[in-house]
Amino acid sequence: MNKLLIAVIVGAGFAVAGGAVAADAAAGKEKSQTCAACHGPDGNTPMTPEFPKLAGQPADYLEKALRDYKKGARKNPMMMPMAQGLSKQDIKDLAAYYSSLKGDLKVKY
């Protein structure tokens, strides 16, 4: 009985301590002001064609891209320094926000 109780308490502790905090699209919108300078205020109107449209992209794709910029696995002289200051929660929130927007992507071929 004691071993079961200890296992339940330890398991609950891991769930609380190690559990991921949910992404917050509203917080992502607030954090996206810097991103809007290049990717556009709606994520669909980048300043130049070299900057990608972010709106409507899958959240997991955006999260991975930002994590990769942050750790240097994805190289871009503009994005690498931008991603350096982002926390894990910032990345989740930004990805949630941009993935919640209606995308304007079109298939070219």
PDB file of N, CA and C in Angstrom:
ATOM      1  N   MET A   1       0.822  -1.201   0.000  1.00  0.00           N
ATOM      2  CA  MET A   1       0.000   0.000   0.000  1.00  0.00           C
ATOM      3  C   MET A   1       0.868   1.267   0.000  1.00  0.00           C
ATOM      4  N   ASN A   2       1.885   1.263   0.860  1.00  0.00           N
ATOM      5  CA  ASN A   2       2.770   2.434   0.929  1.00  0.00           C
ATOM      6  C   ASN A   2       3.502   2.657  -0.381  1.00  0.00           C
ATOM      7  N   LYS A   3       3.944   1.571  -1.039  1.00  0.00           N
ATOM      8  CA  LYS A   3       4.636   1.708  -2.319  1.00  0.00           C
ATOM      9  C   LYS A   3       3.717   2.290  -3.380  1.00  0.00           C
ATOM     10  N   LEU A   4       2.452   1.871  -3.353  1.00  0.00           N
ATOM     11  CA  LEU A   4       1.481   2.398  -4.321  1.00  0.00           C
ATOM     12  C   LEU A   4       1.251   3.882  -4.083  1.00  0.00           C
ATOM     13  N   LEU A   5       1.107   4.275  -2.821  1.00  0.00           N
ATOM     14  CA  LEU A   5       0.893   5.681  -2.482  1.00  0.00           C
ATOM     15  C   LEU A   5       2.096   6.525  -2.902  1.00  0.00           C
ATOM     16  N   ILE A   6       3.295   6.022  -2.647  1.00  0.00           N
ATOM     17  CA  ILE A   6       4.507   6.746  -3.034  1.00  0.00           C
ATOM     18  C   ILE A   6       4.571   6.880  -4.555  1.00  0.00           C
ATOM     19  N   ALA A   7       4.241   5.809  -5.263  1.00  0.00           N
ATOM     20  CA  ALA A   7       4.269   5.857  -6.730  1.00  0.00           C
ATOM     21  C   ALA A   7       3.286   6.882  -7.267  1.00  0.00           C
ATOM     22  N   VAL A   8       2.106   6.955  -6.666  1.00  0.00           N
ATOM     23  CA  VAL A   8       1.095   7.924  -7.115  1.00  0.00           C
ATOM     24  C   VAL A   8       1.577   9.348  -6.845  1.00  0.00           C
ATOM     25  N   ILE A   9       2.136   9.582  -5.674  1.00  0.00           N
ATOM     26  CA  ILE A   9       2.611  10.925  -5.328  1.00  0.00           C
ATOM     27  C   ILE A   9       3.771  11.340  -6.231  1.00  0.00           C
ATOM     28  N   VAL A  10       4.728  10.443  -6.436  1.00  0.00           N
ATOM     29  CA  VAL A  10       5.868  10.746  -7.307  1.00  0.00           C
ATOM     30  C   VAL A  10       5.392  10.983  -8.732  1.00  0.00           C
ATOM     31  N   GLY A  11       4.487  10.160  -9.218  1.00  0.00           N
ATOM     32  CA  GLY A  11       3.950  10.335 -10.569  1.00  0.00           C
ATOM     33  C   GLY A  11       3.236  11.661 -10.724  1.00  0.00           C
ATOM     34  N   ALA A  12       2.468  12.045  -9.728  1.00  0.00           N
ATOM     35  CA  ALA A  12       1.769  13.333  -9.779  1.00  0.00           C
ATOM     36  C   ALA A  12       2.769  14.483  -9.770  1.00  0.00           C
ATOM     37  N   GLY A  13       3.838  14.325  -8.990  1.00  0.00           N
ATOM     38  CA  GLY A  13       4.872  15.365  -8.950  1.00  0.00           C
ATOM     39  C   GLY A  13       5.537  15.547 -10.298  1.00  0.00           C
ATOM     40  N   PHE A  14       5.847  14.439 -10.984  1.00  0.00           N
ATOM     41  CA  PHE A  14       6.434  14.534 -12.318  1.00  0.00           C
ATOM     42  C   PHE A  14       5.465  15.173 -13.293  1.00  0.00           C
ATOM     43  N   ALA A  15       4.208  14.854 -13.183  1.00  0.00           N
ATOM     44  CA  ALA A  15       3.210  15.416 -14.096  1.00  0.00           C
ATOM     45  C   ALA A  15       3.117  16.926 -13.921  1.00  0.00           C
ATOM     46  N   VAL A  16       3.168  17.383 -12.671  1.00  0.00           N
ATOM     47  CA  VAL A  16       3.073  18.828 -12.409  1.00  0.00           C
ATOM     48  C   VAL A  16       4.377  19.526 -12.775  1.00  0.00           C
ATOM     49  N   ALA A  17       5.505  18.970 -12.344  1.00  0.00           N
ATOM     50  CA  ALA A  17       6.795  19.632 -12.563  1.00  0.00           C
ATOM     51  C   ALA A  17       7.244  19.551 -14.009  1.00  0.00           C
ATOM     52  N   GLY A  18       7.014  18.424 -14.652  1.00  0.00           N
ATOM     53  CA  GLY A  18       7.521  18.238 -16.003  1.00  0.00           C
ATOM     54  C   GLY A  18       6.486  18.467 -17.077  1.00  0.00           C
ATOM     55  N   GLY A  19       5.268  18.719 -16.679  1.00  0.00           N
ATOM     56  CA  GLY A  19       4.198  18.892 -17.651  1.00  0.00           C
ATOM     57  C   GLY A  19       4.382  20.147 -18.475  1.00  0.00           C
ATOM     58  N   ALA A  20       4.084  20.043 -19.736  1.00  0.00           N
ATOM     59  CA  ALA A  20       4.201  21.197 -20.627  1.00  0.00           C
ATOM     60  C   ALA A  20       3.065  22.174 -20.355  1.00  0.00           C
ATOM     61  N   VAL A  21       3.390  23.432 -20.388  1.00  0.00           N
ATOM     62  CA  VAL A  21       2.387  24.470 -20.251  1.00  0.00           C
ATOM     63  C   VAL A  21       1.732  24.645 -21.609  1.00  0.00           C
ATOM     64  N   ALA A  22       0.428  24.788 -21.604  1.00  0.00           N
ATOM     65  CA  ALA A  22      -0.300  24.913 -22.864  1.00  0.00           C
ATOM     66  C   ALA A  22       0.099  26.189 -23.602  1.00  0.00           C
ATOM     67  N   ALA A  23       0.065  26.087 -24.901  1.00  0.00           N
ATOM     68  CA  ALA A  23       0.334  27.256 -25.740  1.00  0.00           C
ATOM     69  C   ALA A  23      -0.835  28.225 -25.640  1.00  0.00           C
ATOM     70  N   ASP A  24      -0.545  29.497 -25.718  1.00  0.00           N
ATOM     71  CA  ASP A  24      -1.553  30.542 -25.574  1.00  0.00           C
ATOM     72  C   ASP A  24      -1.488  31.463 -26.797  1.00  0.00           C
ATOM     73  N   ALA A  25      -2.450  31.298 -27.711  1.00  0.00           N
ATOM     74  CA  ALA A  25      -2.456  32.084 -28.946  1.00  0.00           C
ATOM     75  C   ALA A  25      -2.598  33.585 -28.657  1.00  0.00           C
ATOM     76  N   ALA A  26      -3.381  33.942 -27.638  1.00  0.00           N
ATOM     77  CA  ALA A  26      -3.545  35.362 -27.303  1.00  0.00           C
ATOM     78  C   ALA A  26      -2.210  35.958 -26.849  1.00  0.00           C
ATOM     79  N   ALA A  27      -1.473  35.206 -26.046  1.00  0.00           N
ATOM     80  CA  ALA A  27      -0.147  35.669 -25.626  1.00  0.00           C
ATOM     81  C   ALA A  27       0.784  35.735 -26.838  1.00  0.00           C
ATOM     82  N   GLY A  28       0.637  34.775 -27.752  1.00  0.00           N
ATOM     83  CA  GLY A  28       1.442  34.784 -28.971  1.00  0.00           C
ATOM     84  C   GLY A  28       1.191  36.022 -29.814  1.00  0.00           C
ATOM     85  N   LYS A  29      -0.065  36.450 -29.857  1.00  0.00           N
ATOM     86  CA  LYS A  29      -0.388  37.669 -30.612  1.00  0.00           C
ATOM     87  C   LYS A  29       0.347  38.865 -30.019  1.00  0.00           C
ATOM     88  N   GLU A  30       0.366  38.949 -28.705  1.00  0.00           N
ATOM     89  CA  GLU A  30       1.075  40.047 -28.035  1.00  0.00           C
ATOM     90  C   GLU A  30       2.575  39.995 -28.328  1.00  0.00           C
ATOM     91  N   LYS A  31       3.113  38.788 -28.383  1.00  0.00           N
ATOM     92  CA  LYS A  31       4.548  38.610 -28.598  1.00  0.00           C
ATOM     93  C   LYS A  31       4.944  38.758 -30.066  1.00  0.00           C
ATOM     94  N   SER A  32       3.981  38.794 -30.963  1.00  0.00           N
ATOM     95  CA  SER A  32       4.264  38.772 -32.401  1.00  0.00           C
ATOM     96  C   SER A  32       4.589  40.138 -32.992  1.00  0.00           C
ATOM     97  N   GLN A  33       4.601  41.171 -32.196  1.00  0.00           N
ATOM     98  CA  GLN A  33       4.830  42.518 -32.733  1.00  0.00           C
ATOM     99  C   GLN A  33       6.178  42.625 -33.442  1.00  0.00           C
ATOM    100  N   THR A  34       7.197  42.020 -32.898  1.00  0.00           N
ATOM    101  CA  THR A  34       8.517  42.046 -33.541  1.00  0.00           C
ATOM    102  C   THR A  34       8.476  41.268 -34.848  1.00  0.00           C
ATOM    103  N   CYS A  35       7.790  40.132 -34.843  1.00  0.00           N
ATOM    104  CA  CYS A  35       7.699  39.285 -36.039  1.00  0.00           C
ATOM    105  C   CYS A  35       7.000  40.031 -37.181  1.00  0.00           C
ATOM    106  N   ALA A  36       6.009  40.844 -36.814  1.00  0.00           N
ATOM    107  CA  ALA A  36       5.199  41.554 -37.808  1.00  0.00           C
ATOM    108  C   ALA A  36       6.023  42.506 -38.661  1.00  0.00           C
ATOM    109  N   ALA A  37       7.143  42.969 -38.149  1.00  0.00           N
ATOM    110  CA  ALA A  37       7.980  43.897 -38.913  1.00  0.00           C
ATOM    111  C   ALA A  37       8.435  43.284 -40.231  1.00  0.00           C
ATOM    112  N   CYS A  38       8.683  41.989 -40.253  1.00  0.00           N
ATOM    113  CA  CYS A  38       9.128  41.321 -41.474  1.00  0.00           C
ATOM    114  C   CYS A  38       8.055  40.445 -42.112  1.00  0.00           C
ATOM    115  N   HIS A  39       7.261  39.766 -41.274  1.00  0.00           N
ATOM    116  CA  HIS A  39       6.285  38.800 -41.779  1.00  0.00           C
ATOM    117  C   HIS A  39       4.891  39.397 -41.983  1.00  0.00           C
ATOM    118  N   GLY A  40       4.734  40.672 -41.632  1.00  0.00           N
ATOM    119  CA  GLY A  40       3.456  41.350 -41.799  1.00  0.00           C
ATOM    120  C   GLY A  40       2.584  41.203 -40.566  1.00  0.00           C
ATOM    121  N   PRO A  41       1.717  42.180 -40.310  1.00  0.00           N
ATOM    122  CA  PRO A  41       0.891  42.162 -39.101  1.00  0.00           C
ATOM    123  C   PRO A  41      -0.106  40.994 -39.056  1.00  0.00           C
ATOM    124  N   ASP A  42      -0.443  40.457 -40.219  1.00  0.00           N
ATOM    125  CA  ASP A  42      -1.394  39.343 -40.270  1.00  0.00           C
ATOM    126  C   ASP A  42      -0.711  38.013 -40.571  1.00  0.00           C
ATOM    127  N   GLY A  43       0.606  38.020 -40.689  1.00  0.00           N
ATOM    128  CA  GLY A  43       1.353  36.809 -41.012  1.00  0.00           C
ATOM    129  C   GLY A  43       1.223  36.383 -42.464  1.00  0.00           C
ATOM    130  N   ASN A  44       0.502  37.169 -43.271  1.00  0.00           N
ATOM    131  CA  ASN A  44       0.272  36.866 -44.688  1.00  0.00           C
ATOM    132  C   ASN A  44       0.910  37.874 -45.636  1.00  0.00           C
ATOM    133  N   THR A  45       1.434  38.961 -45.086  1.00  0.00           N
ATOM    134  CA  THR A  45       1.948  40.034 -45.934  1.00  0.00           C
ATOM    135  C   THR A  45       3.389  40.379 -45.562  1.00  0.00           C
ATOM    136  N   PRO A  46       4.330  39.476 -45.902  1.00  0.00           N
ATOM    137  CA  PRO A  46       5.732  39.765 -45.577  1.00  0.00           C
ATOM    138  C   PRO A  46       6.227  40.994 -46.322  1.00  0.00           C
ATOM    139  N   MET A  47       7.224  41.626 -45.752  1.00  0.00           N
ATOM    140  CA  MET A  47       7.774  42.854 -46.330  1.00  0.00           C
ATOM    141  C   MET A  47       8.420  42.610 -47.692  1.00  0.00           C
ATOM    142  N   THR A  48       9.039  41.443 -47.871  1.00  0.00           N
ATOM    143  CA  THR A  48       9.622  41.072 -49.157  1.00  0.00           C
ATOM    144  C   THR A  48       9.294  39.600 -49.412  1.00  0.00           C
ATOM    145  N   PRO A  49       9.388  39.150 -50.648  1.00  0.00           N
ATOM    146  CA  PRO A  49       9.097  37.742 -50.945  1.00  0.00           C
ATOM    147  C   PRO A  49      10.050  36.753 -50.263  1.00  0.00           C
ATOM    148  N   GLU A  50      11.203  37.223 -49.813  1.00  0.00           N
ATOM    149  CA  GLU A  50      12.151  36.338 -49.136  1.00  0.00           C
ATOM    150  C   GLU A  50      11.670  35.918 -47.751  1.00  0.00           C
ATOM    151  N   PHE A  51      10.788  36.708 -47.147  1.00  0.00           N
ATOM    152  CA  PHE A  51      10.263  36.376 -45.819  1.00  0.00           C
ATOM    153  C   PHE A  51       9.027  35.512 -45.984  1.00  0.00           C
ATOM    154  N   PRO A  52       8.953  34.395 -45.273  1.00  0.00           N
ATOM    155  CA  PRO A  52       7.816  33.487 -45.450  1.00  0.00           C
ATOM    156  C   PRO A  52       6.532  33.999 -44.800  1.00  0.00           C
ATOM    157  N   LYS A  53       5.430  33.510 -45.332  1.00  0.00           N
ATOM    158  CA  LYS A  53       4.125  33.737 -44.711  1.00  0.00           C
ATOM    159  C   LYS A  53       3.999  32.750 -43.557  1.00  0.00           C
ATOM    160  N   LEU A  54       3.618  33.239 -42.394  1.00  0.00           N
ATOM    161  CA  LEU A  54       3.522  32.395 -41.208  1.00  0.00           C
ATOM    162  C   LEU A  54       2.093  31.951 -40.913  1.00  0.00           C
ATOM    163  N   ALA A  55       1.122  32.753 -41.307  1.00  0.00           N
ATOM    164  CA  ALA A  55      -0.278  32.458 -40.986  1.00  0.00           C
ATOM    165  C   ALA A  55      -0.708  31.123 -41.588  1.00  0.00           C
ATOM    166  N   GLY A  56      -1.346  30.317 -40.756  1.00  0.00           N
ATOM    167  CA  GLY A  56      -1.875  29.045 -41.221  1.00  0.00           C
ATOM    168  C   GLY A  56      -0.872  27.909 -41.264  1.00  0.00           C
ATOM    169  N   GLN A  57       0.390  28.196 -40.964  1.00  0.00           N
ATOM    170  CA  GLN A  57       1.385  27.119 -40.924  1.00  0.00           C
ATOM    171  C   GLN A  57       1.095  26.238 -39.707  1.00  0.00           C
ATOM    172  N   PRO A  58       1.378  24.943 -39.779  1.00  0.00           N
ATOM    173  CA  PRO A  58       1.158  24.067 -38.620  1.00  0.00           C
ATOM    174  C   PRO A  58       2.014  24.500 -37.419  1.00  0.00           C
ATOM    175  N   ALA A  59       1.423  24.465 -36.248  1.00  0.00           N
ATOM    176  CA  ALA A  59       2.122  24.897 -35.034  1.00  0.00           C
ATOM    177  C   ALA A  59       3.393  24.099 -34.798  1.00  0.00           C
ATOM    178  N   ASP A  60       3.350  22.797 -35.022  1.00  0.00           N
ATOM    179  CA  ASP A  60       4.549  21.988 -34.765  1.00  0.00           C
ATOM    180  C   ASP A  60       5.687  22.363 -35.717  1.00  0.00           C
ATOM    181  N   TYR A  61       5.346  22.721 -36.945  1.00  0.00           N
ATOM    182  CA  TYR A  61       6.370  23.169 -37.901  1.00  0.00           C
ATOM    183  C   TYR A  61       6.997  24.484 -37.422  1.00  0.00           C
ATOM    184  N   LEU A  62       6.161  25.428 -37.017  1.00  0.00           N
ATOM    185  CA  LEU A  62       6.670  26.723 -36.563  1.00  0.00           C
ATOM    186  C   LEU A  62       7.519  26.566 -35.308  1.00  0.00           C
ATOM    187  N   GLU A  63       7.078  25.722 -34.380  1.00  0.00           N
ATOM    188  CA  GLU A  63       7.855  25.480 -33.161  1.00  0.00           C
ATOM    189  C   GLU A  63       9.231  24.909 -33.499  1.00  0.00           C
ATOM    190  N   LYS A  64       9.253  23.915 -34.363  1.00  0.00           N
ATOM    191  CA  LYS A  64      10.533  23.291 -34.722  1.00  0.00           C
ATOM    192  C   LYS A  64      11.448  24.292 -35.417  1.00  0.00           C
ATOM    193  N   ALA A  65      10.884  25.077 -36.329  1.00  0.00           N
ATOM    194  CA  ALA A  65      11.701  26.067 -37.030  1.00  0.00           C
ATOM    195  C   ALA A  65      12.325  27.053 -36.043  1.00  0.00           C
ATOM    196  N   LEU A  66      11.538  27.554 -35.092  1.00  0.00           N
ATOM    197  CA  LEU A  66      12.067  28.507 -34.120  1.00  0.00           C
ATOM    198  C   LEU A  66      13.098  27.868 -33.197  1.00  0.00           C
ATOM    199  N   ARG A  67      12.830  26.636 -32.765  1.00  0.00           N
ATOM    200  CA  ARG A  67      13.818  25.932 -31.926  1.00  0.00           C
ATOM    201  C   ARG A  67      15.121  25.726 -32.692  1.00  0.00           C
ATOM    202  N   ASP A  68      14.997  25.356 -33.971  1.00  0.00           N
ATOM    203  CA  ASP A  68      16.192  25.137 -34.786  1.00  0.00           C
ATOM    204  C   ASP A  68      16.973  26.429 -35.022  1.00  0.00           C
ATOM    205  N   TYR A  69      16.281  27.546 -35.235  1.00  0.00           N
ATOM    206  CA  TYR A  69      16.978  28.835 -35.355  1.00  0.00           C
ATOM    207  C   TYR A  69      17.699  29.151 -34.048  1.00  0.00           C
ATOM    208  N   LYS A  70      17.020  28.907 -32.949  1.00  0.00           N
ATOM    209  CA  LYS A  70      17.582  29.234 -31.638  1.00  0.00           C
ATOM    210  C   LYS A  70      18.857  28.448 -31.354  1.00  0.00           C
ATOM    211  N   LYS A  71      18.869  27.163 -31.683  1.00  0.00           N
ATOM    212  CA  LYS A  71      20.057  26.361 -31.381  1.00  0.00           C
ATOM    213  C   LYS A  71      21.072  26.346 -32.521  1.00  0.00           C
ATOM    214  N   GLY A  72      20.772  27.028 -33.632  1.00  0.00           N
ATOM    215  CA  GLY A  72      21.715  27.136 -34.737  1.00  0.00           C
ATOM    216  C   GLY A  72      21.646  26.003 -35.740  1.00  0.00           C
ATOM    217  N   ALA A  73      20.683  25.092 -35.591  1.00  0.00           N
ATOM    218  CA  ALA A  73      20.545  23.983 -36.534  1.00  0.00           C
ATOM    219  C   ALA A  73      19.965  24.464 -37.859  1.00  0.00           C
ATOM    220  N   ARG A  74      19.260  25.549 -37.819  1.00  0.00           N
ATOM    221  CA  ARG A  74      18.710  26.174 -39.026  1.00  0.00           C
ATOM    222  C   ARG A  74      19.373  27.532 -39.135  1.00  0.00           C
ATOM    223  N   LYS A  75      19.990  27.793 -40.257  1.00  0.00           N
ATOM    224  CA  LYS A  75      20.807  29.005 -40.408  1.00  0.00           C
ATOM    225  C   LYS A  75      20.049  30.097 -41.170  1.00  0.00           C
ATOM    226  N   ASN A  76      19.984  31.246 -40.570  1.00  0.00           N
ATOM    227  CA  ASN A  76      19.461  32.439 -41.220  1.00  0.00           C
ATOM    228  C   ASN A  76      19.962  33.623 -40.409  1.00  0.00           C
ATOM    229  N   PRO A  77      20.709  34.545 -41.031  1.00  0.00           N
ATOM    230  CA  PRO A  77      21.312  35.635 -40.271  1.00  0.00           C
ATOM    231  C   PRO A  77      20.296  36.579 -39.624  1.00  0.00           C
ATOM    232  N   MET A  78      19.080  36.609 -40.135  1.00  0.00           N
ATOM    233  CA  MET A  78      18.060  37.479 -39.526  1.00  0.00           C
ATOM    234  C   MET A  78      17.322  36.748 -38.398  1.00  0.00           C
ATOM    235  N   MET A  79      16.987  35.483 -38.624  1.00  0.00           N
ATOM    236  CA  MET A  79      16.154  34.758 -37.667  1.00  0.00           C
ATOM    237  C   MET A  79      16.922  34.211 -36.468  1.00  0.00           C
ATOM    238  N   MET A  80      18.167  33.853 -36.659  1.00  0.00           N
ATOM    239  CA  MET A  80      18.914  33.267 -35.539  1.00  0.00           C
ATOM    240  C   MET A  80      18.960  34.209 -34.333  1.00  0.00           C
ATOM    241  N   PRO A  81      19.312  35.481 -34.503  1.00  0.00           N
ATOM    242  CA  PRO A  81      19.326  36.364 -33.324  1.00  0.00           C
ATOM    243  C   PRO A  81      17.926  36.641 -32.776  1.00  0.00           C
ATOM    244  N   MET A  82      16.917  36.643 -33.654  1.00  0.00           N
ATOM    245  CA  MET A  82      15.546  36.880 -33.183  1.00  0.00           C
ATOM    246  C   MET A  82      15.084  35.738 -32.275  1.00  0.00           C
ATOM    247  N   ALA A  83      15.449  34.517 -32.628  1.00  0.00           N
ATOM    248  CA  ALA A  83      15.013  33.343 -31.872  1.00  0.00           C
ATOM    249  C   ALA A  83      15.786  33.178 -30.566  1.00  0.00           C
ATOM    250  N   GLN A  84      16.974  33.741 -30.485  1.00  0.00           N
ATOM    251  CA  GLN A  84      17.807  33.557 -29.289  1.00  0.00           C
ATOM    252  C   GLN A  84      17.104  33.998 -28.009  1.00  0.00           C
ATOM    253  N   GLY A  85      16.355  35.067 -28.061  1.00  0.00           N
ATOM    254  CA  GLY A  85      15.706  35.591 -26.867  1.00  0.00           C
ATOM    255  C   GLY A  85      14.375  34.949 -26.527  1.00  0.00           C
ATOM    256  N   LEU A  86      13.934  33.989 -27.335  1.00  0.00           N
ATOM    257  CA  LEU A  86      12.631  33.366 -27.091  1.00  0.00           C
ATOM    258  C   LEU A  86      12.742  32.208 -26.100  1.00  0.00           C
ATOM    259  N   SER A  87      11.813  32.185 -25.157  1.00  0.00           N
ATOM    260  CA  SER A  87      11.727  31.050 -24.236  1.00  0.00           C
ATOM    261  C   SER A  87      10.931  29.929 -24.907  1.00  0.00           C
ATOM    262  N   LYS A  88      10.916  28.760 -24.291  1.00  0.00           N
ATOM    263  CA  LYS A  88      10.104  27.658 -24.810  1.00  0.00           C
ATOM    264  C   LYS A  88       8.637  28.072 -24.887  1.00  0.00           C
ATOM    265  N   GLN A  89       8.183  28.806 -23.865  1.00  0.00           N
ATOM    266  CA  GLN A  89       6.788  29.241 -23.845  1.00  0.00           C
ATOM    267  C   GLN A  89       6.523  30.270 -24.941  1.00  0.00           C
ATOM    268  N   ASP A  90       7.458  31.189 -25.164  1.00  0.00           N
ATOM    269  CA  ASP A  90       7.309  32.166 -26.247  1.00  0.00           C
ATOM    270  C   ASP A  90       7.135  31.440 -27.579  1.00  0.00           C
ATOM    271  N   ILE A  91       7.956  30.428 -27.812  1.00  0.00           N
ATOM    272  CA  ILE A  91       7.897  29.675 -29.067  1.00  0.00           C
ATOM    273  C   ILE A  91       6.545  28.990 -29.213  1.00  0.00           C
ATOM    274  N   LYS A  92       6.074  28.359 -28.152  1.00  0.00           N
ATOM    275  CA  LYS A  92       4.755  27.699 -28.196  1.00  0.00           C
ATOM    276  C   LYS A  92       3.647  28.711 -28.467  1.00  0.00           C
ATOM    277  N   ASP A  93       3.707  29.852 -27.793  1.00  0.00           N
ATOM    278  CA  ASP A  93       2.670  30.872 -27.948  1.00  0.00           C
ATOM    279  C   ASP A  93       2.661  31.462 -29.351  1.00  0.00           C
ATOM    280  N   LEU A  94       3.833  31.778 -29.879  1.00  0.00           N
ATOM    281  CA  LEU A  94       3.914  32.329 -31.238  1.00  0.00           C
ATOM    282  C   LEU A  94       3.410  31.314 -32.267  1.00  0.00           C
ATOM    283  N   ALA A  95       3.797  30.065 -32.100  1.00  0.00           N
ATOM    284  CA  ALA A  95       3.350  29.018 -33.029  1.00  0.00           C
ATOM    285  C   ALA A  95       1.835  28.850 -32.952  1.00  0.00           C
ATOM    286  N   ALA A  96       1.285  28.894 -31.750  1.00  0.00           N
ATOM    287  CA  ALA A  96      -0.172  28.773 -31.586  1.00  0.00           C
ATOM    288  C   ALA A  96      -0.889  29.939 -32.262  1.00  0.00           C
ATOM    289  N   TYR A  97      -0.343  31.132 -32.102  1.00  0.00           N
ATOM    290  CA  TYR A  97      -0.968  32.316 -32.705  1.00  0.00           C
ATOM    291  C   TYR A  97      -0.948  32.225 -34.229  1.00  0.00           C
ATOM    292  N   TYR A  98       0.221  32.028 -34.809  1.00  0.00           N
ATOM    293  CA  TYR A  98       0.304  32.025 -36.271  1.00  0.00           C
ATOM    294  C   TYR A  98      -0.441  30.846 -36.887  1.00  0.00           C
ATOM    295  N   SER A  99      -0.473  29.713 -36.216  1.00  0.00           N
ATOM    296  CA  SER A  99      -1.211  28.571 -36.770  1.00  0.00           C
ATOM    297  C   SER A  99      -2.721  28.780 -36.669  1.00  0.00           C
ATOM    298  N   SER A 100      -3.155  29.663 -35.774  1.00  0.00           N
ATOM    299  CA  SER A 100      -4.593  29.929 -35.627  1.00  0.00           C
ATOM    300  C   SER A 100      -5.129  30.891 -36.688  1.00  0.00           C
ATOM    301  N   LEU A 101      -4.223  31.567 -37.389  1.00  0.00           N
ATOM    302  CA  LEU A 101      -4.643  32.540 -38.406  1.00  0.00           C
ATOM    303  C   LEU A 101      -4.962  31.844 -39.723  1.00  0.00           C
ATOM    304  N   LYS A 102      -5.832  32.457 -40.499  1.00  0.00           N
ATOM    305  CA  LYS A 102      -6.144  31.924 -41.821  1.00  0.00           C
ATOM    306  C   LYS A 102      -4.955  32.200 -42.739  1.00  0.00           C
ATOM    307  N   GLY A 103      -4.431  31.139 -43.302  1.00  0.00           N
ATOM    308  CA  GLY A 103      -3.273  31.278 -44.169  1.00  0.00           C
ATOM    309  C   GLY A 103      -3.649  31.702 -45.582  1.00  0.00           C
ATOM    310  N   ASP A 104      -2.694  32.268 -46.244  1.00  0.00           N
ATOM    311  CA  ASP A 104      -2.878  32.754 -47.619  1.00  0.00           C
ATOM    312  C   ASP A 104      -1.899  32.033 -48.564  1.00  0.00           C
ATOM    313  N   LEU A 105      -1.507  30.815 -48.183  1.00  0.00           N
ATOM    314  CA  LEU A 105      -0.540  30.074 -48.994  1.00  0.00           C
ATOM    315  C   LEU A 105      -1.232  29.448 -50.181  1.00  0.00           C
ATOM    316  N   LYS A 106      -0.541  29.413 -51.304  1.00  0.00           N
ATOM    317  CA  LYS A 106      -1.083  28.834 -52.518  1.00  0.00           C
ATOM    318  C   LYS A 106      -0.074  27.860 -53.115  1.00  0.00           C
ATOM    319  N   VAL A 107      -0.562  26.811 -53.743  1.00  0.00           N
ATOM    320  CA  VAL A 107       0.295  25.852 -54.408  1.00  0.00           C
ATOM    321  C   VAL A 107       0.635  26.424 -55.783  1.00  0.00           C
ATOM    322  N   LYS A 108       1.924  26.516 -56.083  1.00  0.00           N
ATOM    323  CA  LYS A 108       2.361  27.118 -57.354  1.00  0.00           C
ATOM    324  C   LYS A 108       2.300  26.147 -58.520  1.00  0.00           C
ATOM    325  N   TYR A 109       2.494  24.879 -58.273  1.00  0.00           N
ATOM    326  CA  TYR A 109       2.641  23.925 -59.371  1.00  0.00           C
ATOM    327  C   TYR A 109       1.482  22.968 -59.442  1.00  0.00           C
TER     328      TYR A 109
END
